[in-house]
Amino acid sequence: MRDYKKLEVWRKSHELNLFVYKNLILKFPKSEQYDLTSQTKRAAYSIPLNIVERNGRFTEKDFAHFLDLALGSVHELEYCCLLGKDLLYIDQNLYQQTNQLINGVKAMLIGL
């Protein structure tokens, strides 16, 4: 059995998820609790979850499928952040910090 915790892409996606929880979604207004906040959280934790699930699979087809799902979640999170910035829930600095983490995870997933 493979240990997903040894994967650099999992570690980076976990860090991204923690960053989103600790920094980003706290800036969203209470009125977005069941909408943008919820969607942003789901997109963020879906990335490492799909990597973990991929790690439990053994075929190349499964490997590619779950990495593709993780990449889709990265793009979804990227848009949630853009929307949060454009709605003025987050400032430009926080947007750039988040986007930098997102781009790092995205590049690693594409590289796999």
PDB file of N, CA and C in Angstrom:
ATOM      1  N   MET A   1       0.829  -1.181   0.000  1.00  0.00           N
ATOM      2  CA  MET A   1       0.000   0.000   0.000  1.00  0.00           C
ATOM      3  C   MET A   1       0.881   1.256   0.000  1.00  0.00           C
ATOM      4  N   ARG A   2       0.532   2.224  -0.818  1.00  0.00           N
ATOM      5  CA  ARG A   2       1.294   3.463  -0.918  1.00  0.00           C
ATOM      6  C   ARG A   2       0.883   4.436   0.188  1.00  0.00           C
ATOM      7  N   ASP A   3       1.824   5.238   0.640  1.00  0.00           N
ATOM      8  CA  ASP A   3       1.552   6.236   1.677  1.00  0.00           C
ATOM      9  C   ASP A   3       1.391   7.597   1.012  1.00  0.00           C
ATOM     10  N   TYR A   4       0.151   8.073   0.935  1.00  0.00           N
ATOM     11  CA  TYR A   4      -0.127   9.348   0.272  1.00  0.00           C
ATOM     12  C   TYR A   4       0.561  10.519   0.971  1.00  0.00           C
ATOM     13  N   LYS A   5       0.856  10.383   2.256  1.00  0.00           N
ATOM     14  CA  LYS A   5       1.496  11.471   2.995  1.00  0.00           C
ATOM     15  C   LYS A   5       2.917  11.733   2.521  1.00  0.00           C
ATOM     16  N   LYS A   6       3.482  10.793   1.784  1.00  0.00           N
ATOM     17  CA  LYS A   6       4.827  10.975   1.244  1.00  0.00           C
ATOM     18  C   LYS A   6       4.814  11.721  -0.092  1.00  0.00           C
ATOM     19  N   LEU A   7       3.633  11.909  -0.654  1.00  0.00           N
ATOM     20  CA  LEU A   7       3.530  12.605  -1.936  1.00  0.00           C
ATOM     21  C   LEU A   7       3.591  14.116  -1.734  1.00  0.00           C
ATOM     22  N   GLU A   8       4.513  14.756  -2.417  1.00  0.00           N
ATOM     23  CA  GLU A   8       4.660  16.211  -2.307  1.00  0.00           C
ATOM     24  C   GLU A   8       3.384  16.927  -2.750  1.00  0.00           C
ATOM     25  N   VAL A   9       2.730  16.437  -3.779  1.00  0.00           N
ATOM     26  CA  VAL A   9       1.502  17.069  -4.250  1.00  0.00           C
ATOM     27  C   VAL A   9       0.398  16.975  -3.200  1.00  0.00           C
ATOM     28  N   TRP A  10       0.350  15.873  -2.452  1.00  0.00           N
ATOM     29  CA  TRP A  10      -0.642  15.780  -1.376  1.00  0.00           C
ATOM     30  C   TRP A  10      -0.318  16.781  -0.273  1.00  0.00           C
ATOM     31  N   ARG A  11       0.963  16.880   0.116  1.00  0.00           N
ATOM     32  CA  ARG A  11       1.360  17.816   1.177  1.00  0.00           C
ATOM     33  C   ARG A  11       1.008  19.251   0.793  1.00  0.00           C
ATOM     34  N   LYS A  12       1.301  19.602  -0.456  1.00  0.00           N
ATOM     35  CA  LYS A  12       1.005  20.962  -0.920  1.00  0.00           C
ATOM     36  C   LYS A  12      -0.503  21.213  -0.989  1.00  0.00           C
ATOM     37  N   SER A  13      -1.256  20.217  -1.405  1.00  0.00           N
ATOM     38  CA  SER A  13      -2.711  20.398  -1.479  1.00  0.00           C
ATOM     39  C   SER A  13      -3.321  20.456  -0.080  1.00  0.00           C
ATOM     40  N   HIS A  14      -2.741  19.739   0.862  1.00  0.00           N
ATOM     41  CA  HIS A  14      -3.189  19.809   2.256  1.00  0.00           C
ATOM     42  C   HIS A  14      -2.902  21.205   2.829  1.00  0.00           C
ATOM     43  N   GLU A  15      -1.713  21.728   2.539  1.00  0.00           N
ATOM     44  CA  GLU A  15      -1.370  23.089   2.972  1.00  0.00           C
ATOM     45  C   GLU A  15      -2.328  24.106   2.363  1.00  0.00           C
ATOM     46  N   LEU A  16      -2.657  23.934   1.094  1.00  0.00           N
ATOM     47  CA  LEU A  16      -3.609  24.820   0.434  1.00  0.00           C
ATOM     48  C   LEU A  16      -4.963  24.748   1.120  1.00  0.00           C
ATOM     49  N   ASN A  17      -5.410  23.561   1.421  1.00  0.00           N
ATOM     50  CA  ASN A  17      -6.695  23.369   2.097  1.00  0.00           C
ATOM     51  C   ASN A  17      -6.689  24.080   3.457  1.00  0.00           C
ATOM     52  N   LEU A  18      -5.636  23.899   4.230  1.00  0.00           N
ATOM     53  CA  LEU A  18      -5.534  24.564   5.529  1.00  0.00           C
ATOM     54  C   LEU A  18      -5.522  26.089   5.373  1.00  0.00           C
ATOM     55  N   PHE A  19      -4.821  26.574   4.369  1.00  0.00           N
ATOM     56  CA  PHE A  19      -4.763  28.009   4.113  1.00  0.00           C
ATOM     57  C   PHE A  19      -6.155  28.558   3.802  1.00  0.00           C
ATOM     58  N   VAL A  20      -6.897  27.830   2.988  1.00  0.00           N
ATOM     59  CA  VAL A  20      -8.254  28.252   2.635  1.00  0.00           C
ATOM     60  C   VAL A  20      -9.121  28.321   3.886  1.00  0.00           C
ATOM     61  N   TYR A  21      -9.053  27.296   4.711  1.00  0.00           N
ATOM     62  CA  TYR A  21      -9.860  27.260   5.938  1.00  0.00           C
ATOM     63  C   TYR A  21      -9.456  28.354   6.932  1.00  0.00           C
ATOM     64  N   LYS A  22      -8.159  28.583   7.084  1.00  0.00           N
ATOM     65  CA  LYS A  22      -7.678  29.501   8.116  1.00  0.00           C
ATOM     66  C   LYS A  22      -7.650  30.963   7.678  1.00  0.00           C
ATOM     67  N   ASN A  23      -7.632  31.216   6.387  1.00  0.00           N
ATOM     68  CA  ASN A  23      -7.452  32.583   5.911  1.00  0.00           C
ATOM     69  C   ASN A  23      -8.541  33.080   4.966  1.00  0.00           C
ATOM     70  N   LEU A  24      -8.904  32.253   4.014  1.00  0.00           N
ATOM     71  CA  LEU A  24      -9.774  32.727   2.946  1.00  0.00           C
ATOM     72  C   LEU A  24     -11.248  32.764   3.338  1.00  0.00           C
ATOM     73  N   ILE A  25     -11.793  31.638   3.728  1.00  0.00           N
ATOM     74  CA  ILE A  25     -13.247  31.582   3.946  1.00  0.00           C
ATOM     75  C   ILE A  25     -13.689  32.405   5.153  1.00  0.00           C
ATOM     76  N   LEU A  26     -12.772  32.724   6.035  1.00  0.00           N
ATOM     77  CA  LEU A  26     -13.113  33.583   7.171  1.00  0.00           C
ATOM     78  C   LEU A  26     -13.468  34.992   6.722  1.00  0.00           C
ATOM     79  N   LYS A  27     -13.025  35.353   5.532  1.00  0.00           N
ATOM     80  CA  LYS A  27     -13.287  36.697   4.991  1.00  0.00           C
ATOM     81  C   LYS A  27     -14.648  36.795   4.311  1.00  0.00           C
ATOM     82  N   PHE A  28     -15.238  35.667   3.970  1.00  0.00           N
ATOM     83  CA  PHE A  28     -16.531  35.698   3.299  1.00  0.00           C
ATOM     84  C   PHE A  28     -17.623  36.087   4.295  1.00  0.00           C
ATOM     85  N   PRO A  29     -18.621  36.830   3.859  1.00  0.00           N
ATOM     86  CA  PRO A  29     -19.694  37.234   4.773  1.00  0.00           C
ATOM     87  C   PRO A  29     -20.589  36.055   5.166  1.00  0.00           C
ATOM     88  N   LYS A  30     -21.263  36.219   6.273  1.00  0.00           N
ATOM     89  CA  LYS A  30     -22.170  35.182   6.781  1.00  0.00           C
ATOM     90  C   LYS A  30     -23.240  34.834   5.737  1.00  0.00           C
ATOM     91  N   SER A  31     -23.642  35.808   4.933  1.00  0.00           N
ATOM     92  CA  SER A  31     -24.671  35.563   3.918  1.00  0.00           C
ATOM     93  C   SER A  31     -24.227  34.553   2.860  1.00  0.00           C
ATOM     94  N   GLU A  32     -22.928  34.311   2.768  1.00  0.00           N
ATOM     95  CA  GLU A  32     -22.389  33.349   1.789  1.00  0.00           C
ATOM     96  C   GLU A  32     -22.134  31.974   2.407  1.00  0.00           C
ATOM     97  N   GLN A  33     -22.532  31.787   3.659  1.00  0.00           N
ATOM     98  CA  GLN A  33     -22.226  30.546   4.382  1.00  0.00           C
ATOM     99  C   GLN A  33     -22.646  29.293   3.621  1.00  0.00           C
ATOM    100  N   TYR A  34     -23.814  29.304   3.012  1.00  0.00           N
ATOM    101  CA  TYR A  34     -24.314  28.106   2.335  1.00  0.00           C
ATOM    102  C   TYR A  34     -24.071  28.140   0.830  1.00  0.00           C
ATOM    103  N   ASP A  35     -23.444  29.182   0.363  1.00  0.00           N
ATOM    104  CA  ASP A  35     -23.201  29.313  -1.068  1.00  0.00           C
ATOM    105  C   ASP A  35     -21.701  29.304  -1.357  1.00  0.00           C
ATOM    106  N   LEU A  36     -21.110  30.474  -1.504  1.00  0.00           N
ATOM    107  CA  LEU A  36     -19.707  30.554  -1.894  1.00  0.00           C
ATOM    108  C   LEU A  36     -18.768  29.943  -0.849  1.00  0.00           C
ATOM    109  N   THR A  37     -19.038  30.162   0.411  1.00  0.00           N
ATOM    110  CA  THR A  37     -18.175  29.582   1.455  1.00  0.00           C
ATOM    111  C   THR A  37     -18.195  28.068   1.390  1.00  0.00           C
ATOM    112  N   SER A  38     -19.375  27.507   1.302  1.00  0.00           N
ATOM    113  CA  SER A  38     -19.521  26.049   1.238  1.00  0.00           C
ATOM    114  C   SER A  38     -18.849  25.481  -0.011  1.00  0.00           C
ATOM    115  N   GLN A  39     -19.059  26.129  -1.134  1.00  0.00           N
ATOM    116  CA  GLN A  39     -18.474  25.643  -2.390  1.00  0.00           C
ATOM    117  C   GLN A  39     -16.952  25.735  -2.357  1.00  0.00           C
ATOM    118  N   THR A  40     -16.436  26.808  -1.783  1.00  0.00           N
ATOM    119  CA  THR A  40     -14.986  26.994  -1.682  1.00  0.00           C
ATOM    120  C   THR A  40     -14.372  25.917  -0.800  1.00  0.00           C
ATOM    121  N   LYS A  41     -15.020  25.635   0.331  1.00  0.00           N
ATOM    122  CA  LYS A  41     -14.523  24.580   1.224  1.00  0.00           C
ATOM    123  C   LYS A  41     -14.516  23.228   0.516  1.00  0.00           C
ATOM    124  N   ARG A  42     -15.608  22.905  -0.168  1.00  0.00           N
ATOM    125  CA  ARG A  42     -15.685  21.607  -0.851  1.00  0.00           C
ATOM    126  C   ARG A  42     -14.617  21.487  -1.932  1.00  0.00           C
ATOM    127  N   ALA A  43     -14.401  22.553  -2.685  1.00  0.00           N
ATOM    128  CA  ALA A  43     -13.369  22.518  -3.725  1.00  0.00           C
ATOM    129  C   ALA A  43     -11.990  22.320  -3.100  1.00  0.00           C
ATOM    130  N   ALA A  44     -11.735  23.016  -1.988  1.00  0.00           N
ATOM    131  CA  ALA A  44     -10.416  22.941  -1.348  1.00  0.00           C
ATOM    132  C   ALA A  44     -10.124  21.557  -0.791  1.00  0.00           C
ATOM    133  N   TYR A  45     -11.091  20.964  -0.081  1.00  0.00           N
ATOM    134  CA  TYR A  45     -10.774  19.650   0.499  1.00  0.00           C
ATOM    135  C   TYR A  45     -10.913  18.514  -0.496  1.00  0.00           C
ATOM    136  N   SER A  46     -11.559  18.777  -1.607  1.00  0.00           N
ATOM    137  CA  SER A  46     -11.671  17.756  -2.642  1.00  0.00           C
ATOM    138  C   SER A  46     -10.316  17.450  -3.294  1.00  0.00           C
ATOM    139  N   ILE A  47      -9.432  18.422  -3.316  1.00  0.00           N
ATOM    140  CA  ILE A  47      -8.120  18.225  -3.963  1.00  0.00           C
ATOM    141  C   ILE A  47      -7.319  17.146  -3.232  1.00  0.00           C
ATOM    142  N   PRO A  48      -7.009  17.310  -1.935  1.00  0.00           N
ATOM    143  CA  PRO A  48      -6.256  16.238  -1.267  1.00  0.00           C
ATOM    144  C   PRO A  48      -7.053  14.946  -1.139  1.00  0.00           C
ATOM    145  N   LEU A  49      -8.374  15.041  -1.011  1.00  0.00           N
ATOM    146  CA  LEU A  49      -9.178  13.812  -0.924  1.00  0.00           C
ATOM    147  C   LEU A  49      -9.065  12.968  -2.188  1.00  0.00           C
ATOM    148  N   ASN A  50      -9.084  13.606  -3.342  1.00  0.00           N
ATOM    149  CA  ASN A  50      -8.948  12.847  -4.588  1.00  0.00           C
ATOM    150  C   ASN A  50      -7.553  12.254  -4.736  1.00  0.00           C
ATOM    151  N   ILE A  51      -6.545  12.953  -4.238  1.00  0.00           N
ATOM    152  CA  ILE A  51      -5.188  12.399  -4.270  1.00  0.00           C
ATOM    153  C   ILE A  51      -5.107  11.179  -3.363  1.00  0.00           C
ATOM    154  N   VAL A  52      -5.728  11.256  -2.190  1.00  0.00           N
ATOM    155  CA  VAL A  52      -5.751  10.117  -1.266  1.00  0.00           C
ATOM    156  C   VAL A  52      -6.479   8.944  -1.909  1.00  0.00           C
ATOM    157  N   GLU A  53      -7.635   9.222  -2.501  1.00  0.00           N
ATOM    158  CA  GLU A  53      -8.396   8.136  -3.132  1.00  0.00           C
ATOM    159  C   GLU A  53      -7.618   7.542  -4.298  1.00  0.00           C
ATOM    160  N   ARG A  54      -6.928   8.377  -5.047  1.00  0.00           N
ATOM    161  CA  ARG A  54      -6.100   7.902  -6.167  1.00  0.00           C
ATOM    162  C   ARG A  54      -5.020   6.975  -5.659  1.00  0.00           C
ATOM    163  N   ASN A  55      -4.492   7.287  -4.504  1.00  0.00           N
ATOM    164  CA  ASN A  55      -3.399   6.502  -3.960  1.00  0.00           C
ATOM    165  C   ASN A  55      -3.830   5.085  -3.578  1.00  0.00           C
ATOM    166  N   GLY A  56      -5.118   4.885  -3.362  1.00  0.00           N
ATOM    167  CA  GLY A  56      -5.622   3.562  -3.028  1.00  0.00           C
ATOM    168  C   GLY A  56      -5.986   2.735  -4.248  1.00  0.00           C
ATOM    169  N   ARG A  57      -5.803   3.301  -5.423  1.00  0.00           N
ATOM    170  CA  ARG A  57      -6.126   2.596  -6.669  1.00  0.00           C
ATOM    171  C   ARG A  57      -4.844   2.095  -7.317  1.00  0.00           C
ATOM    172  N   PHE A  58      -4.994   1.102  -8.175  1.00  0.00           N
ATOM    173  CA  PHE A  58      -3.790   0.470  -8.707  1.00  0.00           C
ATOM    174  C   PHE A  58      -3.650   0.515 -10.222  1.00  0.00           C
ATOM    175  N   THR A  59      -4.698   0.892 -10.929  1.00  0.00           N
ATOM    176  CA  THR A  59      -4.566   0.926 -12.381  1.00  0.00           C
ATOM    177  C   THR A  59      -4.190   2.326 -12.844  1.00  0.00           C
ATOM    178  N   GLU A  60      -3.554   2.404 -13.978  1.00  0.00           N
ATOM    179  CA  GLU A  60      -3.182   3.694 -14.557  1.00  0.00           C
ATOM    180  C   GLU A  60      -4.420   4.518 -14.890  1.00  0.00           C
ATOM    181  N   LYS A  61      -5.489   3.851 -15.300  1.00  0.00           N
ATOM    182  CA  LYS A  61      -6.731   4.549 -15.623  1.00  0.00           C
ATOM    183  C   LYS A  61      -7.297   5.220 -14.369  1.00  0.00           C
ATOM    184  N   ASP A  62      -7.317   4.499 -13.244  1.00  0.00           N
ATOM    185  CA  ASP A  62      -7.789   5.077 -11.984  1.00  0.00           C
ATOM    186  C   ASP A  62      -6.882   6.225 -11.537  1.00  0.00           C
ATOM    187  N   PHE A  63      -5.576   6.014 -11.679  1.00  0.00           N
ATOM    188  CA  PHE A  63      -4.600   7.032 -11.329  1.00  0.00           C
ATOM    189  C   PHE A  63      -4.911   8.336 -12.057  1.00  0.00           C
ATOM    190  N   ALA A  64      -5.079   8.255 -13.358  1.00  0.00           N
ATOM    191  CA  ALA A  64      -5.351   9.440 -14.173  1.00  0.00           C
ATOM    192  C   ALA A  64      -6.703  10.056 -13.824  1.00  0.00           C
ATOM    193  N   HIS A  65      -7.698   9.218 -13.586  1.00  0.00           N
ATOM    194  CA  HIS A  65      -9.045   9.705 -13.292  1.00  0.00           C
ATOM    195  C   HIS A  65      -9.067  10.559 -12.025  1.00  0.00           C
ATOM    196  N   PHE A  66      -8.463  10.089 -10.953  1.00  0.00           N
ATOM    197  CA  PHE A  66      -8.517  10.825  -9.697  1.00  0.00           C
ATOM    198  C   PHE A  66      -7.618  12.056  -9.708  1.00  0.00           C
ATOM    199  N   LEU A  67      -6.522  12.011 -10.437  1.00  0.00           N
ATOM    200  CA  LEU A  67      -5.716  13.218 -10.584  1.00  0.00           C
ATOM    201  C   LEU A  67      -6.475  14.251 -11.403  1.00  0.00           C
ATOM    202  N   ASP A  68      -7.226  13.797 -12.399  1.00  0.00           N
ATOM    203  CA  ASP A  68      -8.053  14.700 -13.198  1.00  0.00           C
ATOM    204  C   ASP A  68      -9.143  15.345 -12.337  1.00  0.00           C
ATOM    205  N   LEU A  69      -9.754  14.571 -11.450  1.00  0.00           N
ATOM    206  CA  LEU A  69     -10.757  15.121 -10.539  1.00  0.00           C
ATOM    207  C   LEU A  69     -10.128  16.170  -9.609  1.00  0.00           C
ATOM    208  N   ALA A  70      -8.933  15.873  -9.105  1.00  0.00           N
ATOM    209  CA  ALA A  70      -8.236  16.831  -8.238  1.00  0.00           C
ATOM    210  C   ALA A  70      -7.940  18.119  -8.997  1.00  0.00           C
ATOM    211  N   LEU A  71      -7.520  17.991 -10.241  1.00  0.00           N
ATOM    212  CA  LEU A  71      -7.228  19.169 -11.059  1.00  0.00           C
ATOM    213  C   LEU A  71      -8.497  19.985 -11.307  1.00  0.00           C
ATOM    214  N   GLY A  72      -9.602  19.304 -11.530  1.00  0.00           N
ATOM    215  CA  GLY A  72     -10.879  20.010 -11.689  1.00  0.00           C
ATOM    216  C   GLY A  72     -11.226  20.803 -10.440  1.00  0.00           C
ATOM    217  N   SER A  73     -10.972  20.240  -9.280  1.00  0.00           N
ATOM    218  CA  SER A  73     -11.237  20.932  -8.018  1.00  0.00           C
ATOM    219  C   SER A  73     -10.315  22.132  -7.838  1.00  0.00           C
ATOM    220  N   VAL A  74      -9.084  22.021  -8.311  1.00  0.00           N
ATOM    221  CA  VAL A  74      -8.154  23.154  -8.250  1.00  0.00           C
ATOM    222  C   VAL A  74      -8.712  24.313  -9.078  1.00  0.00           C
ATOM    223  N   HIS A  75      -9.192  24.003 -10.280  1.00  0.00           N
ATOM    224  CA  HIS A  75      -9.766  25.054 -11.129  1.00  0.00           C
ATOM    225  C   HIS A  75     -11.019  25.659 -10.492  1.00  0.00           C
ATOM    226  N   GLU A  76     -11.818  24.838  -9.868  1.00  0.00           N
ATOM    227  CA  GLU A  76     -13.011  25.318  -9.183  1.00  0.00           C
ATOM    228  C   GLU A  76     -12.627  26.259  -8.032  1.00  0.00           C
ATOM    229  N   LEU A  77     -11.648  25.878  -7.252  1.00  0.00           N
ATOM    230  CA  LEU A  77     -11.179  26.717  -6.153  1.00  0.00           C
ATOM    231  C   LEU A  77     -10.607  28.031  -6.688  1.00  0.00           C
ATOM    232  N   GLU A  78      -9.893  27.943  -7.793  1.00  0.00           N
ATOM    233  CA  GLU A  78      -9.320  29.135  -8.410  1.00  0.00           C
ATOM    234  C   GLU A  78     -10.428  30.140  -8.759  1.00  0.00           C
ATOM    235  N   TYR A  79     -11.525  29.635  -9.309  1.00  0.00           N
ATOM    236  CA  TYR A  79     -12.625  30.531  -9.652  1.00  0.00           C
ATOM    237  C   TYR A  79     -13.321  31.077  -8.401  1.00  0.00           C
ATOM    238  N   CYS A  80     -13.500  30.261  -7.382  1.00  0.00           N
ATOM    239  CA  CYS A  80     -14.111  30.735  -6.132  1.00  0.00           C
ATOM    240  C   CYS A  80     -13.310  31.893  -5.555  1.00  0.00           C
ATOM    241  N   CYS A  81     -11.995  31.804  -5.632  1.00  0.00           N
ATOM    242  CA  CYS A  81     -11.140  32.874  -5.131  1.00  0.00           C
ATOM    243  C   CYS A  81     -11.283  34.132  -5.975  1.00  0.00           C
ATOM    244  N   LEU A  82     -11.321  33.966  -7.283  1.00  0.00           N
ATOM    245  CA  LEU A  82     -11.518  35.108  -8.172  1.00  0.00           C
ATOM    246  C   LEU A  82     -12.851  35.794  -7.884  1.00  0.00           C
ATOM    247  N   LEU A  83     -13.883  35.005  -7.717  1.00  0.00           N
ATOM    248  CA  LEU A  83     -15.200  35.555  -7.411  1.00  0.00           C
ATOM    249  C   LEU A  83     -15.179  36.286  -6.071  1.00  0.00           C
ATOM    250  N   GLY A  84     -14.538  35.681  -5.073  1.00  0.00           N
ATOM    251  CA  GLY A  84     -14.426  36.339  -3.776  1.00  0.00           C
ATOM    252  C   GLY A  84     -13.705  37.673  -3.861  1.00  0.00           C
ATOM    253  N   LYS A  85     -12.680  37.740  -4.692  1.00  0.00           N
ATOM    254  CA  LYS A  85     -11.948  39.002  -4.891  1.00  0.00           C
ATOM    255  C   LYS A  85     -12.827  40.017  -5.604  1.00  0.00           C
ATOM    256  N   ASP A  86     -13.471  39.592  -6.671  1.00  0.00           N
ATOM    257  CA  ASP A  86     -14.292  40.517  -7.458  1.00  0.00           C
ATOM    258  C   ASP A  86     -15.520  41.014  -6.692  1.00  0.00           C
ATOM    259  N   LEU A  87     -15.978  40.226  -5.731  1.00  0.00           N
ATOM    260  CA  LEU A  87     -17.089  40.659  -4.872  1.00  0.00           C
ATOM    261  C   LEU A  87     -16.597  41.474  -3.670  1.00  0.00           C
ATOM    262  N   LEU A  88     -15.269  41.673  -3.623  1.00  0.00           N
ATOM    263  CA  LEU A  88     -14.615  42.456  -2.570  1.00  0.00           C
ATOM    264  C   LEU A  88     -14.695  41.808  -1.192  1.00  0.00           C
ATOM    265  N   TYR A  89     -14.803  40.478  -1.164  1.00  0.00           N
ATOM    266  CA  TYR A  89     -14.766  39.751   0.105  1.00  0.00           C
ATOM    267  C   TYR A  89     -13.328  39.572   0.570  1.00  0.00           C
ATOM    268  N   ILE A  90     -12.421  39.460  -0.394  1.00  0.00           N
ATOM    269  CA  ILE A  90     -10.998  39.316  -0.062  1.00  0.00           C
ATOM    270  C   ILE A  90     -10.215  40.390  -0.801  1.00  0.00           C
ATOM    271  N   ASP A  91      -9.092  40.784  -0.215  1.00  0.00           N
ATOM    272  CA  ASP A  91      -8.283  41.819  -0.855  1.00  0.00           C
ATOM    273  C   ASP A  91      -7.307  41.197  -1.860  1.00  0.00           C
ATOM    274  N   GLN A  92      -6.678  42.066  -2.612  1.00  0.00           N
ATOM    275  CA  GLN A  92      -5.760  41.640  -3.671  1.00  0.00           C
ATOM    276  C   GLN A  92      -4.601  40.815  -3.116  1.00  0.00           C
ATOM    277  N   ASN A  93      -4.080  41.190  -1.960  1.00  0.00           N
ATOM    278  CA  ASN A  93      -2.957  40.470  -1.364  1.00  0.00           C
ATOM    279  C   ASN A  93      -3.325  39.027  -1.017  1.00  0.00           C
ATOM    280  N   LEU A  94      -4.471  38.835  -0.365  1.00  0.00           N
ATOM    281  CA  LEU A  94      -4.909  37.485  -0.010  1.00  0.00           C
ATOM    282  C   LEU A  94      -5.216  36.678  -1.264  1.00  0.00           C
ATOM    283  N   TYR A  95      -5.802  37.330  -2.252  1.00  0.00           N
ATOM    284  CA  TYR A  95      -6.074  36.660  -3.528  1.00  0.00           C
ATOM    285  C   TYR A  95      -4.773  36.165  -4.155  1.00  0.00           C
ATOM    286  N   GLN A  96      -3.758  37.007  -4.173  1.00  0.00           N
ATOM    287  CA  GLN A  96      -2.481  36.620  -4.779  1.00  0.00           C
ATOM    288  C   GLN A  96      -1.804  35.497  -3.997  1.00  0.00           C
ATOM    289  N   GLN A  97      -1.857  35.562  -2.671  1.00  0.00           N
ATOM    290  CA  GLN A  97      -1.284  34.489  -1.850  1.00  0.00           C
ATOM    291  C   GLN A  97      -1.973  33.156  -2.152  1.00  0.00           C
ATOM    292  N   THR A  98      -3.288  33.194  -2.188  1.00  0.00           N
ATOM    293  CA  THR A  98      -4.057  31.979  -2.447  1.00  0.00           C
ATOM    294  C   THR A  98      -3.778  31.463  -3.849  1.00  0.00           C
ATOM    295  N   ASN A  99      -3.752  32.367  -4.808  1.00  0.00           N
ATOM    296  CA  ASN A  99      -3.516  31.970  -6.193  1.00  0.00           C
ATOM    297  C   ASN A  99      -2.131  31.358  -6.379  1.00  0.00           C
ATOM    298  N   GLN A 100      -1.165  31.852  -5.645  1.00  0.00           N
ATOM    299  CA  GLN A 100       0.186  31.286  -5.721  1.00  0.00           C
ATOM    300  C   GLN A 100       0.181  29.828  -5.244  1.00  0.00           C
ATOM    301  N   LEU A 101      -0.506  29.566  -4.152  1.00  0.00           N
ATOM    302  CA  LEU A 101      -0.611  28.187  -3.658  1.00  0.00           C
ATOM    303  C   LEU A 101      -1.381  27.312  -4.659  1.00  0.00           C
ATOM    304  N   ILE A 102      -2.454  27.849  -5.194  1.00  0.00           N
ATOM    305  CA  ILE A 102      -3.255  27.114  -6.180  1.00  0.00           C
ATOM    306  C   ILE A 102      -2.411  26.764  -7.392  1.00  0.00           C
ATOM    307  N   ASN A 103      -1.659  27.733  -7.903  1.00  0.00           N
ATOM    308  CA  ASN A 103      -0.845  27.485  -9.093  1.00  0.00           C
ATOM    309  C   ASN A 103       0.240  26.450  -8.838  1.00  0.00           C
ATOM    310  N   GLY A 104       0.779  26.420  -7.626  1.00  0.00           N
ATOM    311  CA  GLY A 104       1.779  25.410  -7.294  1.00  0.00           C
ATOM    312  C   GLY A 104       1.202  24.008  -7.330  1.00  0.00           C
ATOM    313  N   VAL A 105       0.017  23.840  -6.740  1.00  0.00           N
ATOM    314  CA  VAL A 105      -0.648  22.528  -6.740  1.00  0.00           C
ATOM    315  C   VAL A 105      -1.059  22.147  -8.172  1.00  0.00           C
ATOM    316  N   LYS A 106      -1.573  23.122  -8.896  1.00  0.00           N
ATOM    317  CA  LYS A 106      -2.000  22.867 -10.268  1.00  0.00           C
ATOM    318  C   LYS A 106      -0.824  22.359 -11.119  1.00  0.00           C
ATOM    319  N   ALA A 107       0.311  23.031 -10.998  1.00  0.00           N
ATOM    320  CA  ALA A 107       1.491  22.633 -11.762  1.00  0.00           C
ATOM    321  C   ALA A 107       1.944  21.217 -11.409  1.00  0.00           C
ATOM    322  N   MET A 108       1.893  20.881 -10.124  1.00  0.00           N
ATOM    323  CA  MET A 108       2.297  19.533  -9.702  1.00  0.00           C
ATOM    324  C   MET A 108       1.343  18.480 -10.261  1.00  0.00           C
ATOM    325  N   LEU A 109       0.056  18.751 -10.235  1.00  0.00           N
ATOM    326  CA  LEU A 109      -0.916  17.788 -10.757  1.00  0.00           C
ATOM    327  C   LEU A 109      -0.749  17.606 -12.262  1.00  0.00           C
ATOM    328  N   ILE A 110      -0.549  18.696 -12.970  1.00  0.00           N
ATOM    329  CA  ILE A 110      -0.347  18.609 -14.418  1.00  0.00           C
ATOM    330  C   ILE A 110       0.922  17.827 -14.719  1.00  0.00           C
ATOM    331  N   GLY A 111       1.950  18.028 -13.885  1.00  0.00           N
ATOM    332  CA  GLY A 111       3.218  17.325 -14.067  1.00  0.00           C
ATOM    333  C   GLY A 111       3.128  15.818 -13.861  1.00  0.00           C
ATOM    334  N   LEU A 112       2.137  15.384 -13.087  1.00  0.00           N
ATOM    335  CA  LEU A 112       1.969  13.947 -12.871  1.00  0.00           C
ATOM    336  C   LEU A 112       1.301  13.312 -14.071  1.00  0.00           C
TER     337      LEU A 112
END
